[in-house]
C-alpha atoms as a PDB file:
ATOM      1  CA  MET A   1       0.000   0.000   0.000  1.00  0.00           C
ATOM      2  CA  PRO A   2       1.444   3.452  -0.917  1.00  0.00           C
ATOM      3  CA  LEU A   3       2.661   5.493   2.011  1.00  0.00           C
ATOM      4  CA  THR A   4       0.969   8.852   2.492  1.00  0.00           C
ATOM      5  CA  SER A   5       1.581  11.745   4.834  1.00  0.00           C
ATOM      6  CA  PRO A   6       0.932  15.506   4.684  1.00  0.00           C
ATOM      7  CA  ARG A   7       4.468  16.224   5.902  1.00  0.00           C
ATOM      8  CA  ARG A   8       7.540  15.160   3.985  1.00  0.00           C
ATOM      9  CA  SER A   9       9.696  14.621   7.079  1.00  0.00           C
ATOM     10  CA  ALA A  10       7.140  12.196   8.501  1.00  0.00           C
ATOM     11  CA  LEU A  11       6.851  10.481   5.129  1.00  0.00           C
ATOM     12  CA  ALA A  12      10.611  10.133   4.843  1.00  0.00           C
ATOM     13  CA  ASP A  13      10.668   8.586   8.314  1.00  0.00           C
ATOM     14  CA  GLN A  14       8.066   6.050   7.200  1.00  0.00           C
ATOM     15  CA  VAL A  15      10.112   5.139   4.139  1.00  0.00           C
ATOM     16  CA  ILE A  16      13.268   4.829   6.248  1.00  0.00           C
ATOM     17  CA  ALA A  17      11.442   2.528   8.670  1.00  0.00           C
ATOM     18  CA  GLN A  18      10.112   0.345   5.855  1.00  0.00           C
ATOM     19  CA  LEU A  19      13.474   0.040   4.109  1.00  0.00           C
ATOM     20  CA  ARG A  20      15.185  -0.706   7.434  1.00  0.00           C
ATOM     21  CA  ALA A  21      12.643  -3.465   8.101  1.00  0.00           C
ATOM     22  CA  GLN A  22      13.419  -5.093   4.756  1.00  0.00           C
ATOM     23  CA  ILE A  23      17.112  -5.040   5.646  1.00  0.00           C
ATOM     24  CA  THR A  24      16.830  -6.302   9.220  1.00  0.00           C
ATOM     25  CA  SER A  25      14.357  -9.035   8.242  1.00  0.00           C
ATOM     26  CA  GLY A  26      16.835 -10.469   5.760  1.00  0.00           C
ATOM     27  CA  GLU A  27      14.625  -9.759   2.757  1.00  0.00           C
ATOM     28  CA  TRP A  28      17.599  -7.779   1.447  1.00  0.00           C
ATOM     29  CA  PRO A  29      20.658  -9.747   2.651  1.00  0.00           C
ATOM     30  CA  VAL A  30      24.001  -8.124   3.356  1.00  0.00           C
ATOM     31  CA  GLY A  31      25.870  -7.692   0.082  1.00  0.00           C
ATOM     32  CA  SER A  32      22.747  -7.659  -2.073  1.00  0.00           C
ATOM     33  CA  ARG A  33      21.719  -4.755  -4.274  1.00  0.00           C
ATOM     34  CA  ILE A  34      18.442  -3.138  -3.295  1.00  0.00           C
ATOM     35  CA  PRO A  35      15.806  -2.174  -5.906  1.00  0.00           C
ATOM     36  CA  THR A  36      16.556   0.857  -8.026  1.00  0.00           C
ATOM     37  CA  GLU A  37      15.332   4.282  -7.051  1.00  0.00           C
ATOM     38  CA  GLN A  38      12.585   4.102  -9.669  1.00  0.00           C
ATOM     39  CA  GLN A  39      11.473   0.662  -8.476  1.00  0.00           C
ATOM     40  CA  LEU A  40      11.250   1.935  -4.894  1.00  0.00           C
ATOM     41  CA  VAL A  41       9.230   4.927  -6.048  1.00  0.00           C
ATOM     42  CA  GLU A  42       6.754   2.587  -7.725  1.00  0.00           C
ATOM     43  CA  GLN A  43       6.641   0.118  -4.828  1.00  0.00           C
ATOM     44  CA  LEU A  44       6.171   2.718  -2.105  1.00  0.00           C
ATOM     45  CA  GLY A  45       4.076   5.225  -4.025  1.00  0.00           C
ATOM     46  CA  VAL A  46       6.180   8.189  -2.938  1.00  0.00           C
ATOM     47  CA  ALA A  47       8.191  10.856  -4.709  1.00  0.00           C
ATOM     48  CA  ARG A  48      11.715  10.233  -5.973  1.00  0.00           C
ATOM     49  CA  ASN A  49      13.125  12.855  -3.592  1.00  0.00           C
ATOM     50  CA  THR A  50      11.597  11.042  -0.606  1.00  0.00           C
ATOM     51  CA  VAL A  51      13.166   7.735  -1.629  1.00  0.00           C
ATOM     52  CA  ARG A  52      16.500   9.457  -2.221  1.00  0.00           C
ATOM     53  CA  GLU A  53      16.333  11.120   1.212  1.00  0.00           C
ATOM     54  CA  ALA A  54      15.579   7.784   2.913  1.00  0.00           C
ATOM     55  CA  VAL A  55      18.353   5.900   1.104  1.00  0.00           C
ATOM     56  CA  ARG A  56      20.878   8.617   1.939  1.00  0.00           C
ATOM     57  CA  ALA A  57      19.845   8.513   5.596  1.00  0.00           C
ATOM     58  CA  LEU A  58      20.343   4.745   5.754  1.00  0.00           C
ATOM     59  CA  ALA A  59      23.687   5.091   3.974  1.00  0.00           C
ATOM     60  CA  HIS A  60      24.738   7.710   6.521  1.00  0.00           C
ATOM     61  CA  ASN A  61      23.790   5.294   9.310  1.00  0.00           C
ATOM     62  CA  GLY A  62      25.934   2.562   7.767  1.00  0.00           C
ATOM     63  CA  LEU A  63      23.213   0.188   6.551  1.00  0.00           C
ATOM     64  CA  LEU A  64      23.545   0.960   2.841  1.00  0.00           C
ATOM     65  CA  ASP A  65      26.447   1.607   0.505  1.00  0.00           C
ATOM     66  CA  ILE A  66      25.695   3.872  -2.478  1.00  0.00           C
ATOM     67  CA  ARG A  67      28.014   2.991  -5.371  1.00  0.00           C
ATOM     68  CA  GLN A  68      27.894   5.406  -8.258  1.00  0.00           C
ATOM     69  CA  GLY A  69      27.183   3.639 -11.522  1.00  0.00           C
ATOM     70  CA  SER A  70      26.510   0.306  -9.819  1.00  0.00           C
ATOM     71  CA  GLY A  71      23.598   0.735  -7.426  1.00  0.00           C
ATOM     72  CA  THR A  72      22.957   0.685  -3.685  1.00  0.00           C
ATOM     73  CA  TYR A  73      23.983  -2.344  -1.627  1.00  0.00           C
ATOM     74  CA  VAL A  74      23.179  -3.598   1.868  1.00  0.00           C
ATOM     75  CA  LEU A  75      26.240  -3.080   4.050  1.00  0.00           C
ATOM     76  CA  ALA A  76      24.924  -4.066   7.499  1.00  0.00           C
ATOM     77  CA  THR A  77      21.735  -5.181   9.221  1.00  0.00           C
ATOM     78  CA  SER A  78      21.688  -2.546  11.966  1.00  0.00           C
ATOM     79  CA  GLU A  79      23.082   0.894  12.656  1.00  0.00           C
ATOM     80  CA  LEU A  80      25.480  -0.550  15.215  1.00  0.00           C
ATOM     81  CA  ALA A  81      26.663  -3.166  12.722  1.00  0.00           C
ATOM     82  CA  GLY A  82      27.302  -0.359  10.261  1.00  0.00           C
ATOM     83  CA  VAL A  83      29.337   1.527  12.833  1.00  0.00           C
ATOM     84  CA  MET A  84      31.277  -1.647  13.644  1.00  0.00           C
ATOM     85  CA  HIS A  85      32.013  -2.200   9.978  1.00  0.00           C
ATOM     86  CA  ARG A  86      33.361   1.315   9.486  1.00  0.00           C
ATOM     87  CA  ARG A  87      35.279   1.338  12.758  1.00  0.00           C
ATOM     88  CA  PHE A  88      37.019  -2.029  12.405  1.00  0.00           C
ATOM     89  CA  ALA A  89      37.328  -2.483   8.639  1.00  0.00           C
ATOM     90  CA  ASP A  90      41.014  -1.496   8.780  1.00  0.00           C
ATOM     91  CA  ALA A  91      41.814  -3.169  12.108  1.00  0.00           C
ATOM     92  CA  GLU A  92      44.752  -5.544  12.387  1.00  0.00           C
ATOM     93  CA  THR A  93      43.820  -9.170  11.794  1.00  0.00           C
ATOM     94  CA  GLY A  94      45.441 -10.278  15.050  1.00  0.00           C
ATOM     95  CA  HIS A  95      43.394  -7.829  17.080  1.00  0.00           C
ATOM     96  CA  VAL A  96      40.166  -8.991  15.449  1.00  0.00           C
ATOM     97  CA  SER A  97      41.176 -12.604  16.138  1.00  0.00           C
ATOM     98  CA  GLU A  98      41.734 -11.795  19.813  1.00  0.00           C
ATOM     99  CA  LEU A  99      38.306 -10.180  20.078  1.00  0.00           C
ATOM    100  CA  ARG A 100      36.649 -13.078  18.312  1.00  0.00           C
ATOM    101  CA  SER A 101      38.481 -15.566  20.532  1.00  0.00           C
ATOM    102  CA  ALA A 102      37.297 -13.854  23.706  1.00  0.00           C
ATOM    103  CA  LEU A 103      33.672 -13.603  22.599  1.00  0.00           C
ATOM    104  CA  GLU A 104      33.391 -17.115  21.167  1.00  0.00           C
ATOM    105  CA  ALA A 105      35.157 -18.803  24.074  1.00  0.00           C
ATOM    106  CA  ALA A 106      32.782 -17.130  26.525  1.00  0.00           C
ATOM    107  CA  ALA A 107      29.771 -18.026  24.378  1.00  0.00           C
ATOM    108  CA  ALA A 108      30.850 -21.659  23.961  1.00  0.00           C
ATOM    109  CA  ARG A 109      31.360 -22.086  27.708  1.00  0.00           C
ATOM    110  CA  LEU A 110      27.875 -20.704  28.403  1.00  0.00           C
ATOM    111  CA  ALA A 111      26.403 -22.802  25.581  1.00  0.00           C
ATOM    112  CA  ALA A 112      27.770 -25.983  27.179  1.00  0.00           C
ATOM    113  CA  GLN A 113      25.949 -25.040  30.383  1.00  0.00           C
ATOM    114  CA  ARG A 114      22.680 -23.795  28.898  1.00  0.00           C
ATOM    115  CA  ARG A 115      22.101 -25.579  25.571  1.00  0.00           C
ATOM    116  CA  THR A 116      18.698 -27.047  24.884  1.00  0.00           C
ATOM    117  CA  GLU A 117      17.716 -29.917  22.621  1.00  0.00           C
ATOM    118  CA  ARG A 118      16.715 -27.359  20.003  1.00  0.00           C
ATOM    119  CA  ASP A 119      20.137 -25.701  20.275  1.00  0.00           C
ATOM    120  CA  ILE A 120      21.833 -29.057  19.713  1.00  0.00           C
ATOM    121  CA  ALA A 121      19.652 -29.710  16.685  1.00  0.00           C
ATOM    122  CA  ASN A 122      20.564 -26.269  15.283  1.00  0.00           C
ATOM    123  CA  LEU A 123      24.260 -26.904  15.898  1.00  0.00           C
ATOM    124  CA  ASP A 124      24.118 -30.309  14.211  1.00  0.00           C
ATOM    125  CA  ALA A 125      22.342 -28.797  11.200  1.00  0.00           C
ATOM    126  CA  ALA A 126      24.811 -25.916  10.986  1.00  0.00           C
ATOM    127  CA  LEU A 127      27.771 -28.289  11.259  1.00  0.00           C
ATOM    128  CA  ASP A 128      26.361 -30.478   8.494  1.00  0.00           C
ATOM    129  CA  ARG A 129      25.817 -27.418   6.299  1.00  0.00           C
ATOM    130  CA  ARG A 130      29.409 -26.332   6.924  1.00  0.00           C
ATOM    131  CA  GLU A 131      30.743 -29.756   5.949  1.00  0.00           C
ATOM    132  CA  ARG A 132      28.671 -29.843   2.775  1.00  0.00           C
ATOM    133  CA  ALA A 133      29.793 -26.328   1.854  1.00  0.00           C
ATOM    134  CA  TRP A 134      33.416 -27.370   2.296  1.00  0.00           C
ATOM    135  CA  GLU A 135      32.937 -30.440   0.124  1.00  0.00           C
ATOM    136  CA  SER A 136      31.315 -28.304  -2.583  1.00  0.00           C
ATOM    137  CA  GLY A 137      34.469 -26.205  -2.893  1.00  0.00           C
ATOM    138  CA  ASP A 138      32.414 -22.988  -2.898  1.00  0.00           C
ATOM    139  CA  ALA A 139      34.434 -20.499  -0.818  1.00  0.00           C
ATOM    140  CA  ASP A 140      31.584 -18.015  -0.392  1.00  0.00           C
ATOM    141  CA  ALA A 141      29.157 -20.729   0.680  1.00  0.00           C
ATOM    142  CA  PHE A 142      31.702 -22.064   3.142  1.00  0.00           C
ATOM    143  CA  VAL A 143      32.279 -18.654   4.736  1.00  0.00           C
ATOM    144  CA  GLU A 144      28.533 -18.209   5.223  1.00  0.00           C
ATOM    145  CA  ALA A 145      28.119 -21.730   6.586  1.00  0.00           C
ATOM    146  CA  ASP A 146      31.041 -21.308   8.979  1.00  0.00           C
ATOM    147  CA  ALA A 147      29.610 -17.997  10.202  1.00  0.00           C
ATOM    148  CA  THR A 148      26.189 -19.600  10.671  1.00  0.00           C
ATOM    149  CA  LEU A 149      27.678 -22.334  12.862  1.00  0.00           C
ATOM    150  CA  HIS A 150      29.443 -19.815  15.084  1.00  0.00           C
ATOM    151  CA  LEU A 151      26.249 -17.761  15.346  1.00  0.00           C
ATOM    152  CA  ALA A 152      24.446 -20.927  16.448  1.00  0.00           C
ATOM    153  CA  VAL A 153      27.051 -21.447  19.188  1.00  0.00           C
ATOM    154  CA  VAL A 154      26.575 -17.883  20.416  1.00  0.00           C
ATOM    155  CA  ALA A 155      22.793 -18.248  20.281  1.00  0.00           C
ATOM    156  CA  ALA A 156      23.065 -21.383  22.432  1.00  0.00           C
ATOM    157  CA  SER A 157      24.656 -19.262  25.175  1.00  0.00           C
ATOM    158  CA  HIS A 158      21.188 -17.775  25.774  1.00  0.00           C
ATOM    159  CA  ASN A 159      22.790 -14.425  26.536  1.00  0.00           C
ATOM    160  CA  PRO A 160      20.901 -11.946  24.317  1.00  0.00           C
ATOM    161  CA  VAL A 161      23.389  -9.127  24.910  1.00  0.00           C
ATOM    162  CA  LEU A 162      26.310 -11.305  23.812  1.00  0.00           C
ATOM    163  CA  ALA A 163      24.309 -12.597  20.850  1.00  0.00           C
ATOM    164  CA  GLU A 164      23.401  -9.095  19.654  1.00  0.00           C
ATOM    165  CA  LEU A 165      26.960  -7.830  20.030  1.00  0.00           C
ATOM    166  CA  TYR A 166      28.314 -10.815  18.102  1.00  0.00           C
ATOM    167  CA  ALA A 167      25.684 -10.375  15.374  1.00  0.00           C
ATOM    168  CA  ASP A 168      26.612  -6.710  14.986  1.00  0.00           C
ATOM    169  CA  LEU A 169      30.253  -7.722  14.593  1.00  0.00           C
ATOM    170  CA  GLY A 170      29.275 -10.449  12.146  1.00  0.00           C
ATOM    171  CA  GLN A 171      30.030  -8.593   8.923  1.00  0.00           C
ATOM    172  CA  VAL A 172      33.434  -7.515  10.174  1.00  0.00           C
ATOM    173  CA  LEU A 173      34.269 -11.124  11.059  1.00  0.00           C
ATOM    174  CA  ARG A 174      32.950 -12.395   7.725  1.00  0.00           C
ATOM    175  CA  ALA A 175      35.076  -9.873   5.837  1.00  0.00           C
ATOM    176  CA  PHE A 176      38.247 -10.980   7.607  1.00  0.00           C
ATOM    177  CA  LEU A 177      37.371 -14.653   7.172  1.00  0.00           C
ATOM    178  CA  ARG A 178      36.568 -14.163   3.486  1.00  0.00           C
ATOM    179  CA  ALA A 179      39.915 -12.461   2.914  1.00  0.00           C
ATOM    180  CA  ASP A 180      41.709 -15.262   4.744  1.00  0.00           C
ATOM    181  CA  VAL A 181      39.989 -18.017   2.767  1.00  0.00           C
ATOM    182  CA  GLY A 182      40.838 -16.512  -0.613  1.00  0.00           C
ATOM    183  CA  GLU A 183      39.271 -17.455  -3.906  1.00  0.00           C
ATOM    184  CA  GLU A 184      39.376 -21.219  -3.408  1.00  0.00           C
ATOM    185  CA  LEU A 185      39.331 -23.702  -0.558  1.00  0.00           C
ATOM    186  CA  ARG A 186      42.541 -25.595   0.112  1.00  0.00           C
ATOM    187  CA  PRO A 187      42.864 -28.881   2.070  1.00  0.00           C
ATOM    188  CA  GLU A 188      45.383 -27.437   4.531  1.00  0.00           C
ATOM    189  CA  GLN A 189      42.891 -24.754   5.510  1.00  0.00           C
ATOM    190  CA  TYR A 190      40.278 -26.988   7.080  1.00  0.00           C
ATOM    191  CA  VAL A 191      39.603 -27.211  10.819  1.00  0.00           C
ATOM    192  CA  ASP A 192      37.200 -29.756  12.247  1.00  0.00           C
ATOM    193  CA  HIS A 193      34.433 -28.080  14.262  1.00  0.00           C
ATOM    194  CA  ALA A 194      32.821 -31.352  15.343  1.00  0.00           C
ATOM    195  CA  ARG A 195      34.770 -31.325  18.627  1.00  0.00           C
ATOM    196  CA  LEU A 196      33.273 -27.950  19.515  1.00  0.00           C
ATOM    197  CA  VAL A 197      29.732 -29.174  18.906  1.00  0.00           C
ATOM    198  CA  GLU A 198      30.369 -32.403  20.818  1.00  0.00           C
ATOM    199  CA  ALA A 199      31.786 -30.523  23.809  1.00  0.00           C
ATOM    200  CA  ILE A 200      28.662 -28.345  23.940  1.00  0.00           C
ATOM    201  CA  ARG A 201      26.469 -31.430  23.622  1.00  0.00           C
ATOM    202  CA  ALA A 202      28.366 -33.076  26.506  1.00  0.00           C
ATOM    203  CA  GLY A 203      28.153 -29.992  28.703  1.00  0.00           C
ATOM    204  CA  ASP A 204      31.956 -29.697  28.768  1.00  0.00           C
ATOM    205  CA  GLY A 205      32.468 -25.951  29.108  1.00  0.00           C
ATOM    206  CA  ASP A 206      36.264 -26.056  29.358  1.00  0.00           C
ATOM    207  CA  THR A 207      36.715 -28.032  26.159  1.00  0.00           C
ATOM    208  CA  ALA A 208      34.075 -25.997  24.338  1.00  0.00           C
ATOM    209  CA  ALA A 209      35.799 -22.749  25.302  1.00  0.00           C
ATOM    210  CA  THR A 210      39.216 -24.068  24.284  1.00  0.00           C
ATOM    211  CA  GLU A 211      37.938 -25.270  20.921  1.00  0.00           C
ATOM    212  CA  ALA A 212      36.149 -22.003  20.198  1.00  0.00           C
ATOM    213  CA  ALA A 213      39.138 -19.876  21.161  1.00  0.00           C
ATOM    214  CA  GLY A 214      41.434 -21.945  18.955  1.00  0.00           C
ATOM    215  CA  HIS A 215      39.119 -21.626  15.961  1.00  0.00           C
ATOM    216  CA  ALA A 216      39.221 -17.841  16.218  1.00  0.00           C
ATOM    217  CA  PHE A 217      42.971 -17.808  15.656  1.00  0.00           C
ATOM    218  CA  SER A 218      43.116 -20.506  12.991  1.00  0.00           C
ATOM    219  CA  TRP A 219      39.913 -18.980  11.477  1.00  0.00           C
ATOM    220  CA  CYS A 220      38.735 -22.281  10.128  1.00  0.00           C
ATOM    221  CA  PHE A 221      41.605 -24.412   9.236  1.00  0.00           C
ATOM    222  CA  SER A 222      43.725 -27.627   9.705  1.00  0.00           C
ATOM    223  CA  VAL A 223      43.841 -30.812   7.719  1.00  0.00           C
ATOM    224  CA  PRO A 224      40.515 -32.692   7.712  1.00  0.00           C
ATOM    225  CA  PRO A 225      40.358 -36.173   9.152  1.00  0.00           C
ATOM    226  CA  ALA A 226      40.602 -39.068   6.716  1.00  0.00           C
END
């Protein structure tokens, strides 16, 4: 339904809210190109200037990236994630690894204490997806599958503050992981994550924390078992 309002500022706010909802819901995933300005005008039933104002506001907040001659792309799923991306994009890899190690070790230890049967099912599914992505040789698919598994570990901690912070850092971590993986997967890069999942299943917080911390520094890699 077209958006209507007697005041442009209020109308722009409505458009911003609707576009933000499409981003945060995953309808427009990170890295995807959003509809063109003209398509948004037709979809929302508002003036071109209103759409342009809303897109610029979301770009200023770090959710969108306006690329001249190419289009507008989703950069982050929240304002905080956008800030994180800008703030840490040029950080040293070792420093990012240390942060990831601290967060994931804490999350894995909590997950071992608090996991539910549903959490275990999610972890098993995410681990299977990661293995299948590795076997496919698709580097992009593997990065996403690896990130999904680690998000599942953090979610199993049942600490919503930790989960939200980790999610907001997610694009920064993906960018570093993607750069580390390169264009193709290599056998020497693989690290088995089954031990992490099994430690959480067994309620072994020490082992889970150790495994998670080690993965953060190796990113994802060691030789796979025969």
